[in-house]
PDB file of N, CA and C in Angstrom:
ATOM      1  N   UNK A   1       0.817  -1.190   0.000  1.00  0.00           N
ATOM      2  CA  UNK A   1       0.000   0.000   0.000  1.00  0.00           C
ATOM      3  C   UNK A   1       0.862   1.256   0.000  1.00  0.00           C
ATOM      4  N   UNK A   2       1.999   1.220   0.685  1.00  0.00           N
ATOM      5  CA  UNK A   2       2.875   2.375   0.711  1.00  0.00           C
ATOM      6  C   UNK A   2       3.375   2.711  -0.679  1.00  0.00           C
ATOM      7  N   UNK A   3       3.727   1.744  -1.458  1.00  0.00           N
ATOM      8  CA  UNK A   3       4.238   2.011  -2.797  1.00  0.00           C
ATOM      9  C   UNK A   3       3.151   2.602  -3.686  1.00  0.00           C
ATOM     10  N   UNK A   4       1.952   2.165  -3.532  1.00  0.00           N
ATOM     11  CA  UNK A   4       0.855   2.727  -4.317  1.00  0.00           C
ATOM     12  C   UNK A   4       0.618   4.200  -3.934  1.00  0.00           C
ATOM     13  N   UNK A   5       0.660   4.514  -2.636  1.00  0.00           N
ATOM     14  CA  UNK A   5       0.488   5.893  -2.182  1.00  0.00           C
ATOM     15  C   UNK A   5       1.637   6.758  -2.681  1.00  0.00           C
ATOM     16  N   UNK A   6       2.850   6.239  -2.654  1.00  0.00           N
ATOM     17  CA  UNK A   6       4.000   6.994  -3.168  1.00  0.00           C
ATOM     18  C   UNK A   6       3.876   7.232  -4.667  1.00  0.00           C
ATOM     19  N   UNK A   7       3.394   6.239  -5.380  1.00  0.00           N
ATOM     20  CA  UNK A   7       3.216   6.385  -6.823  1.00  0.00           C
ATOM     21  C   UNK A   7       2.180   7.459  -7.117  1.00  0.00           C
ATOM     22  N   UNK A   8       1.081   7.463  -6.391  1.00  0.00           N
ATOM     23  CA  UNK A   8       0.048   8.470  -6.593  1.00  0.00           C
ATOM     24  C   UNK A   8       0.571   9.861  -6.251  1.00  0.00           C
ATOM     25  N   UNK A   9       1.336   9.950  -5.161  1.00  0.00           N
ATOM     26  CA  UNK A   9       1.878  11.245  -4.756  1.00  0.00           C
ATOM     27  C   UNK A   9       2.837  11.773  -5.826  1.00  0.00           C
ATOM     28  N   UNK A  10       3.699  10.931  -6.355  1.00  0.00           N
ATOM     29  CA  UNK A  10       4.647  11.360  -7.375  1.00  0.00           C
ATOM     30  C   UNK A  10       3.950  11.657  -8.704  1.00  0.00           C
ATOM     31  N   UNK A  11       2.901  10.924  -9.003  1.00  0.00           N
ATOM     32  CA  UNK A  11       2.167  11.150 -10.247  1.00  0.00           C
ATOM     33  C   UNK A  11       1.390  12.458 -10.194  1.00  0.00           C
ATOM     34  N   UNK A  12       0.977  12.866  -9.012  1.00  0.00           N
ATOM     35  CA  UNK A  12       0.194  14.095  -8.915  1.00  0.00           C
ATOM     36  C   UNK A  12       1.072  15.337  -9.001  1.00  0.00           C
ATOM     37  N   UNK A  13       2.371  15.215  -8.782  1.00  0.00           N
ATOM     38  CA  UNK A  13       3.242  16.390  -8.870  1.00  0.00           C
ATOM     39  C   UNK A  13       3.246  17.034 -10.254  1.00  0.00           C
ATOM     40  N   UNK A  14       3.403  16.273 -11.342  1.00  0.00           N
ATOM     41  CA  UNK A  14       3.337  16.919 -12.664  1.00  0.00           C
ATOM     42  C   UNK A  14       1.975  17.553 -12.926  1.00  0.00           C
ATOM     43  N   UNK A  15       0.909  16.931 -12.432  1.00  0.00           N
ATOM     44  CA  UNK A  15      -0.417  17.510 -12.610  1.00  0.00           C
ATOM     45  C   UNK A  15      -0.546  18.819 -11.840  1.00  0.00           C
ATOM     46  N   UNK A  16      -0.018  18.857 -10.644  1.00  0.00           N
ATOM     47  CA  UNK A  16      -0.073  20.077  -9.848  1.00  0.00           C
ATOM     48  C   UNK A  16       0.761  21.171 -10.504  1.00  0.00           C
ATOM     49  N   UNK A  17       1.916  20.801 -11.040  1.00  0.00           N
ATOM     50  CA  UNK A  17       2.765  21.779 -11.718  1.00  0.00           C
ATOM     51  C   UNK A  17       2.071  22.304 -12.971  1.00  0.00           C
ATOM     52  N   UNK A  18       1.417  21.414 -13.710  1.00  0.00           N
ATOM     53  CA  UNK A  18       0.702  21.827 -14.913  1.00  0.00           C
ATOM     54  C   UNK A  18      -0.473  22.734 -14.552  1.00  0.00           C
ATOM     55  N   UNK A  19      -1.156  22.421 -13.480  1.00  0.00           N
ATOM     56  CA  UNK A  19      -2.277  23.250 -13.038  1.00  0.00           C
ATOM     57  C   UNK A  19      -1.777  24.617 -12.586  1.00  0.00           C
ATOM     58  N   UNK A  20      -0.648  24.641 -11.899  1.00  0.00           N
ATOM     59  CA  UNK A  20      -0.076  25.915 -11.460  1.00  0.00           C
ATOM     60  C   UNK A  20       0.361  26.743 -12.657  1.00  0.00           C
ATOM     61  N   UNK A  21       0.952  26.081 -13.655  1.00  0.00           N
ATOM     62  CA  UNK A  21       1.375  26.793 -14.861  1.00  0.00           C
ATOM     63  C   UNK A  21       0.166  27.342 -15.619  1.00  0.00           C
ATOM     64  N   UNK A  22      -0.901  26.563 -15.685  1.00  0.00           N
ATOM     65  CA  UNK A  22      -2.114  27.023 -16.364  1.00  0.00           C
ATOM     66  C   UNK A  22      -2.738  28.194 -15.611  1.00  0.00           C
ATOM     67  N   UNK A  23      -2.730  28.126 -14.284  1.00  0.00           N
ATOM     68  CA  UNK A  23      -3.275  29.230 -13.484  1.00  0.00           C
ATOM     69  C   UNK A  23      -2.438  30.493 -13.670  1.00  0.00           C
ATOM     70  N   UNK A  24      -1.120  30.329 -13.730  1.00  0.00           N
ATOM     71  CA  UNK A  24      -0.244  31.486 -13.937  1.00  0.00           C
ATOM     72  C   UNK A  24      -0.470  32.089 -15.320  1.00  0.00           C
ATOM     73  N   UNK A  25      -0.638  31.237 -16.324  1.00  0.00           N
ATOM     74  CA  UNK A  25      -0.890  31.724 -17.677  1.00  0.00           C
ATOM     75  C   UNK A  25      -2.232  32.457 -17.741  1.00  0.00           C
ATOM     76  N   UNK A  26      -3.227  31.926 -17.071  1.00  0.00           N
ATOM     77  CA  UNK A  26      -4.541  32.571 -17.056  1.00  0.00           C
ATOM     78  C   UNK A  26      -4.458  33.913 -16.347  1.00  0.00           C
ATOM     79  N   UNK A  27      -3.724  33.968 -15.239  1.00  0.00           N
ATOM     80  CA  UNK A  27      -3.567  35.228 -14.509  1.00  0.00           C
ATOM     81  C   UNK A  27      -2.819  36.237 -15.368  1.00  0.00           C
ATOM     82  N   UNK A  28      -1.813  35.762 -16.074  1.00  0.00           N
ATOM     83  CA  UNK A  28      -1.059  36.651 -16.959  1.00  0.00           C
ATOM     84  C   UNK A  28      -1.950  37.160 -18.090  1.00  0.00           C
ATOM     85  N   UNK A  29      -2.764  36.279 -18.638  1.00  0.00           N
ATOM     86  CA  UNK A  29      -3.689  36.674 -19.697  1.00  0.00           C
ATOM     87  C   UNK A  29      -4.709  37.687 -19.199  1.00  0.00           C
ATOM     88  N   UNK A  30      -5.199  37.473 -17.989  1.00  0.00           N
ATOM     89  CA  UNK A  30      -6.158  38.416 -17.407  1.00  0.00           C
ATOM     90  C   UNK A  30      -5.492  39.769 -17.143  1.00  0.00           C
ATOM     91  N   UNK A  31      -4.251  39.728 -16.693  1.00  0.00           N
ATOM     92  CA  UNK A  31      -3.529  40.988 -16.444  1.00  0.00           C
ATOM     93  C   UNK A  31      -3.329  41.748 -17.754  1.00  0.00           C
ATOM     94  N   UNK A  32      -3.014  41.027 -18.820  1.00  0.00           N
ATOM     95  CA  UNK A  32      -2.839  41.678 -20.126  1.00  0.00           C
ATOM     96  C   UNK A  32      -4.166  42.251 -20.633  1.00  0.00           C
ATOM     97  N   UNK A  33      -5.233  41.498 -20.456  1.00  0.00           N
ATOM     98  CA  UNK A  33      -6.550  41.979 -20.869  1.00  0.00           C
ATOM     99  C   UNK A  33      -6.947  43.215 -20.069  1.00  0.00           C
ATOM    100  N   UNK A  34      -6.700  43.183 -18.763  1.00  0.00           N
ATOM    101  CA  UNK A  34      -7.017  44.316 -17.902  1.00  0.00           C
ATOM    102  C   UNK A  34      -6.219  45.554 -18.331  1.00  0.00           C
ATOM    103  N   UNK A  35      -4.938  45.367 -18.641  1.00  0.00           N
ATOM    104  CA  UNK A  35      -4.100  46.487 -19.088  1.00  0.00           C
ATOM    105  C   UNK A  35      -4.587  47.032 -20.429  1.00  0.00           C
ATOM    106  N   UNK A  36      -4.985  46.134 -21.328  1.00  0.00           N
ATOM    107  CA  UNK A  36      -5.482  46.577 -22.634  1.00  0.00           C
ATOM    108  C   UNK A  36      -6.786  47.357 -22.486  1.00  0.00           C
ATOM    109  N   UNK A  37      -7.677  46.877 -21.624  1.00  0.00           N
ATOM    110  CA  UNK A  37      -8.936  47.591 -21.396  1.00  0.00           C
ATOM    111  C   UNK A  37      -8.695  48.939 -20.732  1.00  0.00           C
ATOM    112  N   UNK A  38      -7.761  48.977 -19.777  1.00  0.00           N
ATOM    113  CA  UNK A  38      -7.432  50.245 -19.123  1.00  0.00           C
ATOM    114  C   UNK A  38      -6.894  51.246 -20.137  1.00  0.00           C
ATOM    115  N   UNK A  39      -6.043  50.783 -21.033  1.00  0.00           N
ATOM    116  CA  UNK A  39      -5.490  51.647 -22.078  1.00  0.00           C
ATOM    117  C   UNK A  39      -6.589  52.128 -23.029  1.00  0.00           C
ATOM    118  N   UNK A  40      -7.480  51.240 -23.405  1.00  0.00           N
ATOM    119  CA  UNK A  40      -8.586  51.601 -24.291  1.00  0.00           C
ATOM    120  C   UNK A  40      -9.476  52.663 -23.650  1.00  0.00           C
ATOM    121  N   UNK A  41      -9.842  52.466 -22.388  1.00  0.00           N
ATOM    122  CA  UNK A  41     -10.695  53.436 -21.713  1.00  0.00           C
ATOM    123  C   UNK A  41      -9.979  54.773 -21.525  1.00  0.00           C
ATOM    124  N   UNK A  42      -8.682  54.735 -21.300  1.00  0.00           N
ATOM    125  CA  UNK A  42      -7.923  55.990 -21.176  1.00  0.00           C
ATOM    126  C   UNK A  42      -7.928  56.748 -22.495  1.00  0.00           C
ATOM    127  N   UNK A  43      -7.776  56.023 -23.610  1.00  0.00           N
ATOM    128  CA  UNK A  43      -7.812  56.681 -24.932  1.00  0.00           C
ATOM    129  C   UNK A  43      -9.194  57.243 -25.224  1.00  0.00           C
ATOM    130  N   UNK A  44     -10.229  56.513 -24.849  1.00  0.00           N
ATOM    131  CA  UNK A  44     -11.594  57.007 -25.065  1.00  0.00           C
ATOM    132  C   UNK A  44     -11.836  58.257 -24.233  1.00  0.00           C
ATOM    133  N   UNK A  45     -11.407  58.245 -22.977  1.00  0.00           N
ATOM    134  CA  UNK A  45     -11.584  59.410 -22.104  1.00  0.00           C
ATOM    135  C   UNK A  45     -10.808  60.608 -22.644  1.00  0.00           C
ATOM    136  N   UNK A  46      -9.586  60.365 -23.128  1.00  0.00           N
ATOM    137  CA  UNK A  46      -8.784  61.455 -23.695  1.00  0.00           C
ATOM    138  C   UNK A  46      -9.473  62.047 -24.917  1.00  0.00           C
ATOM    139  N   UNK A  47     -10.027  61.184 -25.751  1.00  0.00           N
ATOM    140  CA  UNK A  47     -10.718  61.661 -26.954  1.00  0.00           C
ATOM    141  C   UNK A  47     -11.964  62.464 -26.571  1.00  0.00           C
ATOM    142  N   UNK A  48     -12.695  62.031 -25.543  1.00  0.00           N
ATOM    143  CA  UNK A  48     -13.872  62.786 -25.088  1.00  0.00           C
ATOM    144  C   UNK A  48     -13.460  64.169 -24.596  1.00  0.00           C
ATOM    145  N   UNK A  49     -12.344  64.244 -23.852  1.00  0.00           N
ATOM    146  CA  UNK A  49     -11.866  65.550 -23.383  1.00  0.00           C
ATOM    147  C   UNK A  49     -11.484  66.436 -24.557  1.00  0.00           C
ATOM    148  N   UNK A  50     -10.887  65.832 -25.581  1.00  0.00           N
ATOM    149  CA  UNK A  50     -10.489  66.610 -26.756  1.00  0.00           C
ATOM    150  C   UNK A  50     -11.717  67.153 -27.486  1.00  0.00           C
ATOM    151  N   UNK A  51     -12.728  66.343 -27.641  1.00  0.00           N
ATOM    152  CA  UNK A  51     -13.947  66.775 -28.321  1.00  0.00           C
ATOM    153  C   UNK A  51     -14.624  67.900 -27.541  1.00  0.00           C
ATOM    154  N   UNK A  52     -14.682  67.774 -26.203  1.00  0.00           N
ATOM    155  CA  UNK A  52     -15.283  68.832 -25.381  1.00  0.00           C
ATOM    156  C   UNK A  52     -14.493  70.129 -25.491  1.00  0.00           C
ATOM    157  N   UNK A  53     -13.154  70.022 -25.461  1.00  0.00           N
ATOM    158  CA  UNK A  53     -12.319  71.225 -25.567  1.00  0.00           C
ATOM    159  C   UNK A  53     -12.513  71.890 -26.925  1.00  0.00           C
ATOM    160  N   UNK A  54     -12.564  71.095 -27.985  1.00  0.00           N
ATOM    161  CA  UNK A  54     -12.768  71.655 -29.323  1.00  0.00           C
ATOM    162  C   UNK A  54     -14.137  72.325 -29.429  1.00  0.00           C
ATOM    163  N   UNK A  55     -15.143  71.733 -28.801  1.00  0.00           N
ATOM    164  CA  UNK A  55     -16.477  72.332 -28.817  1.00  0.00           C
ATOM    165  C   UNK A  55     -16.482  73.677 -28.084  1.00  0.00           C
ATOM    166  N   UNK A  56     -15.730  73.759 -27.000  1.00  0.00           N
ATOM    167  CA  UNK A  56     -15.642  75.037 -26.288  1.00  0.00           C
ATOM    168  C   UNK A  56     -14.950  76.093 -27.141  1.00  0.00           C
ATOM    169  N   UNK A  57     -13.884  75.717 -27.814  1.00  0.00           N
ATOM    170  CA  UNK A  57     -13.167  76.647 -28.688  1.00  0.00           C
ATOM    171  C   UNK A  57     -14.082  77.075 -29.838  1.00  0.00           C
ATOM    172  N   UNK A  58     -14.791  76.109 -30.398  1.00  0.00           N
ATOM    173  CA  UNK A  58     -15.698  76.428 -31.504  1.00  0.00           C
ATOM    174  C   UNK A  58     -16.810  77.370 -31.067  1.00  0.00           C
ATOM    175  N   UNK A  59     -17.132  77.355 -29.780  1.00  0.00           N
ATOM    176  CA  UNK A  59     -18.181  78.229 -29.268  1.00  0.00           C
ATOM    177  C   UNK A  59     -17.736  79.672 -29.077  1.00  0.00           C
ATOM    178  N   UNK A  60     -16.434  79.918 -29.130  1.00  0.00           N
ATOM    179  CA  UNK A  60     -15.926  81.284 -28.966  1.00  0.00           C
ATOM    180  C   UNK A  60     -15.834  81.974 -30.316  1.00  0.00           C
ATOM    181  N   UNK A  61     -16.083  83.267 -30.328  1.00  0.00           N
ATOM    182  CA  UNK A  61     -15.914  83.999 -31.584  1.00  0.00           C
ATOM    183  C   UNK A  61     -14.437  84.411 -31.727  1.00  0.00           C
ATOM    184  N   UNK A  62     -14.096  84.881 -32.916  1.00  0.00           N
ATOM    185  CA  UNK A  62     -12.697  85.214 -33.202  1.00  0.00           C
ATOM    186  C   UNK A  62     -12.166  86.318 -32.301  1.00  0.00           C
ATOM    187  N   UNK A  63     -13.012  87.263 -31.919  1.00  0.00           N
ATOM    188  CA  UNK A  63     -12.574  88.339 -31.027  1.00  0.00           C
ATOM    189  C   UNK A  63     -12.200  87.795 -29.652  1.00  0.00           C
ATOM    190  N   UNK A  64     -13.011  86.882 -29.142  1.00  0.00           N
ATOM    191  CA  UNK A  64     -12.710  86.285 -27.833  1.00  0.00           C
ATOM    192  C   UNK A  64     -11.409  85.495 -27.889  1.00  0.00           C
ATOM    193  N   UNK A  65     -11.216  84.756 -28.971  1.00  0.00           N
ATOM    194  CA  UNK A  65      -9.975  84.003 -29.125  1.00  0.00           C
ATOM    195  C   UNK A  65      -8.780  84.950 -29.205  1.00  0.00           C
ATOM    196  N   UNK A  66      -8.925  86.030 -29.923  1.00  0.00           N
ATOM    197  CA  UNK A  66      -7.843  87.006 -30.048  1.00  0.00           C
ATOM    198  C   UNK A  66      -7.526  87.624 -28.681  1.00  0.00           C
ATOM    199  N   UNK A  67      -8.563  87.848 -27.870  1.00  0.00           N
ATOM    200  CA  UNK A  67      -8.364  88.404 -26.532  1.00  0.00           C
ATOM    201  C   UNK A  67      -7.513  87.497 -25.644  1.00  0.00           C
ATOM    202  N   UNK A  68      -7.659  86.205 -25.818  1.00  0.00           N
ATOM    203  CA  UNK A  68      -6.854  85.288 -25.006  1.00  0.00           C
ATOM    204  C   UNK A  68      -5.562  84.885 -25.706  1.00  0.00           C
ATOM    205  N   UNK A  69      -5.296  85.499 -26.854  1.00  0.00           N
ATOM    206  CA  UNK A  69      -4.039  85.261 -27.553  1.00  0.00           C
ATOM    207  C   UNK A  69      -3.958  83.935 -28.264  1.00  0.00           C
ATOM    208  N   UNK A  70      -5.062  83.526 -28.821  1.00  0.00           N
ATOM    209  CA  UNK A  70      -5.125  82.212 -29.451  1.00  0.00           C
ATOM    210  C   UNK A  70      -5.818  82.315 -30.798  1.00  0.00           C
ATOM    211  N   UNK A  71      -5.403  81.475 -31.716  1.00  0.00           N
ATOM    212  CA  UNK A  71      -6.082  81.374 -33.005  1.00  0.00           C
ATOM    213  C   UNK A  71      -6.789  80.020 -33.054  1.00  0.00           C
ATOM    214  N   UNK A  72      -7.890  79.975 -33.740  1.00  0.00           N
ATOM    215  CA  UNK A  72      -8.690  78.758 -33.830  1.00  0.00           C
ATOM    216  C   UNK A  72      -7.880  77.550 -34.322  1.00  0.00           C
ATOM    217  N   UNK A  73      -6.938  77.798 -35.199  1.00  0.00           N
ATOM    218  CA  UNK A  73      -6.136  76.696 -35.750  1.00  0.00           C
ATOM    219  C   UNK A  73      -5.173  76.102 -34.718  1.00  0.00           C
ATOM    220  N   UNK A  74      -4.968  76.781 -33.590  1.00  0.00           N
ATOM    221  CA  UNK A  74      -4.045  76.297 -32.570  1.00  0.00           C
ATOM    222  C   UNK A  74      -4.723  75.453 -31.499  1.00  0.00           C
ATOM    223  N   UNK A  75      -6.008  75.247 -31.602  1.00  0.00           N
ATOM    224  CA  UNK A  75      -6.763  74.559 -30.549  1.00  0.00           C
ATOM    225  C   UNK A  75      -6.196  73.172 -30.258  1.00  0.00           C
ATOM    226  N   UNK A  76      -5.918  72.395 -31.275  1.00  0.00           N
ATOM    227  CA  UNK A  76      -5.398  71.038 -31.068  1.00  0.00           C
ATOM    228  C   UNK A  76      -4.028  71.074 -30.394  1.00  0.00           C
ATOM    229  N   UNK A  77      -3.217  72.048 -30.761  1.00  0.00           N
ATOM    230  CA  UNK A  77      -1.898  72.172 -30.158  1.00  0.00           C
ATOM    231  C   UNK A  77      -1.995  72.535 -28.681  1.00  0.00           C
ATOM    232  N   UNK A  78      -2.857  73.494 -28.351  1.00  0.00           N
ATOM    233  CA  UNK A  78      -3.057  73.861 -26.947  1.00  0.00           C
ATOM    234  C   UNK A  78      -3.562  72.667 -26.153  1.00  0.00           C
ATOM    235  N   UNK A  79      -4.506  71.931 -26.732  1.00  0.00           N
ATOM    236  CA  UNK A  79      -5.058  70.782 -26.033  1.00  0.00           C
ATOM    237  C   UNK A  79      -3.982  69.731 -25.794  1.00  0.00           C
ATOM    238  N   UNK A  80      -3.167  69.441 -26.805  1.00  0.00           N
ATOM    239  CA  UNK A  80      -2.114  68.428 -26.661  1.00  0.00           C
ATOM    240  C   UNK A  80      -1.121  68.830 -25.571  1.00  0.00           C
ATOM    241  N   UNK A  81      -0.795  70.111 -25.489  1.00  0.00           N
ATOM    242  CA  UNK A  81       0.104  70.569 -24.434  1.00  0.00           C
ATOM    243  C   UNK A  81      -0.557  70.434 -23.065  1.00  0.00           C
ATOM    244  N   UNK A  82      -1.837  70.745 -22.980  1.00  0.00           N
ATOM    245  CA  UNK A  82      -2.520  70.649 -21.691  1.00  0.00           C
ATOM    246  C   UNK A  82      -2.631  69.206 -21.208  1.00  0.00           C
ATOM    247  N   UNK A  83      -2.683  68.261 -22.128  1.00  0.00           N
ATOM    248  CA  UNK A  83      -2.747  66.839 -21.782  1.00  0.00           C
ATOM    249  C   UNK A  83      -1.357  66.226 -21.624  1.00  0.00           C
ATOM    250  N   UNK A  84      -0.331  67.024 -21.792  1.00  0.00           N
ATOM    251  CA  UNK A  84       1.068  66.584 -21.702  1.00  0.00           C
ATOM    252  C   UNK A  84       1.397  65.493 -22.722  1.00  0.00           C
ATOM    253  N   UNK A  85       0.782  65.592 -23.888  1.00  0.00           N
ATOM    254  CA  UNK A  85       1.072  64.648 -24.968  1.00  0.00           C
ATOM    255  C   UNK A  85       2.260  65.120 -25.800  1.00  0.00           C
ATOM    256  N   UNK A  86       2.541  66.390 -25.732  1.00  0.00           N
ATOM    257  CA  UNK A  86       3.694  66.976 -26.432  1.00  0.00           C
ATOM    258  C   UNK A  86       4.405  67.903 -25.455  1.00  0.00           C
ATOM    259  N   UNK A  87       5.614  68.278 -25.808  1.00  0.00           N
ATOM    260  CA  UNK A  87       6.378  69.187 -24.960  1.00  0.00           C
ATOM    261  C   UNK A  87       5.684  70.543 -24.903  1.00  0.00           C
ATOM    262  N   UNK A  88       5.644  71.119 -23.719  1.00  0.00           N
ATOM    263  CA  UNK A  88       5.001  72.419 -23.557  1.00  0.00           C
ATOM    264  C   UNK A  88       5.989  73.502 -23.980  1.00  0.00           C
ATOM    265  N   UNK A  89       5.802  74.000 -25.181  1.00  0.00           N
ATOM    266  CA  UNK A  89       6.743  74.957 -25.740  1.00  0.00           C
ATOM    267  C   UNK A  89       6.290  76.388 -25.569  1.00  0.00           C
ATOM    268  N   UNK A  90       5.010  76.623 -25.414  1.00  0.00           N
ATOM    269  CA  UNK A  90       4.512  78.001 -25.356  1.00  0.00           C
ATOM    270  C   UNK A  90       5.096  78.775 -24.176  1.00  0.00           C
ATOM    271  N   UNK A  91       5.115  78.177 -23.005  1.00  0.00           N
ATOM    272  CA  UNK A  91       5.657  78.875 -21.841  1.00  0.00           C
ATOM    273  C   UNK A  91       7.148  79.131 -22.031  1.00  0.00           C
ATOM    274  N   UNK A  92       7.850  78.161 -22.589  1.00  0.00           N
ATOM    275  CA  UNK A  92       9.282  78.340 -22.823  1.00  0.00           C
ATOM    276  C   UNK A  92       9.513  79.483 -23.796  1.00  0.00           C
ATOM    277  N   UNK A  93       8.699  79.576 -24.828  1.00  0.00           N
ATOM    278  CA  UNK A  93       8.844  80.657 -25.798  1.00  0.00           C
ATOM    279  C   UNK A  93       8.524  82.004 -25.169  1.00  0.00           C
ATOM    280  N   UNK A  94       7.482  82.051 -24.349  1.00  0.00           N
ATOM    281  CA  UNK A  94       7.134  83.302 -23.680  1.00  0.00           C
ATOM    282  C   UNK A  94       8.243  83.741 -22.728  1.00  0.00           C
ATOM    283  N   UNK A  95       8.842  82.790 -22.031  1.00  0.00           N
ATOM    284  CA  UNK A  95       9.927  83.132 -21.114  1.00  0.00           C
ATOM    285  C   UNK A  95      11.118  83.675 -21.883  1.00  0.00           C
ATOM    286  N   UNK A  96      11.413  83.090 -23.018  1.00  0.00           N
ATOM    287  CA  UNK A  96      12.522  83.582 -23.847  1.00  0.00           C
ATOM    288  C   UNK A  96      12.236  84.995 -24.352  1.00  0.00           C
ATOM    289  N   UNK A  97      10.985  85.244 -24.744  1.00  0.00           N
ATOM    290  CA  UNK A  97      10.637  86.558 -25.261  1.00  0.00           C
ATOM    291  C   UNK A  97      10.796  87.628 -24.195  1.00  0.00           C
ATOM    292  N   UNK A  98      10.417  87.296 -22.963  1.00  0.00           N
ATOM    293  CA  UNK A  98      10.509  88.274 -21.884  1.00  0.00           C
ATOM    294  C   UNK A  98      11.942  88.442 -21.389  1.00  0.00           C
ATOM    295  N   UNK A  99      12.760  87.416 -21.561  1.00  0.00           N
ATOM    296  CA  UNK A  99      14.149  87.464 -21.087  1.00  0.00           C
ATOM    297  C   UNK A  99      15.043  88.192 -22.097  1.00  0.00           C
ATOM    298  N   UNK A 100      14.611  88.278 -23.352  1.00  0.00           N
ATOM    299  CA  UNK A 100      15.429  88.928 -24.378  1.00  0.00           C
ATOM    300  C   UNK A 100      15.496  90.414 -24.124  1.00  0.00           C
ATOM    301  N   UNK A 101      16.710  91.021 -24.304  1.00  0.00           N
ATOM    302  CA  UNK A 101      16.841  92.471 -24.081  1.00  0.00           C
ATOM    303  C   UNK A 101      16.205  93.294 -25.182  1.00  0.00           C
TER     304      UNK A 101
END
């Protein structure tokens, strides 16, 4: 009886290892799916913010835009800088202009 119990115990080790490997693969797959969904929702949220910002800009007349020092064609650039998708160059340029003699 001891040999039969030892045989069963040794035979179950590869099964346990295979089950652990399958569980790890499933967890890894779920983590990848979760990351992909998080990325997708972040892109959707970013796009919604962009559409809202563009709608606000479109709601302003040219005089109002001129008052704030902006042209309608720059809306996407301002938005990208505000979302930190591109380097913020406007402040750097303004600082250079004020620092120049």
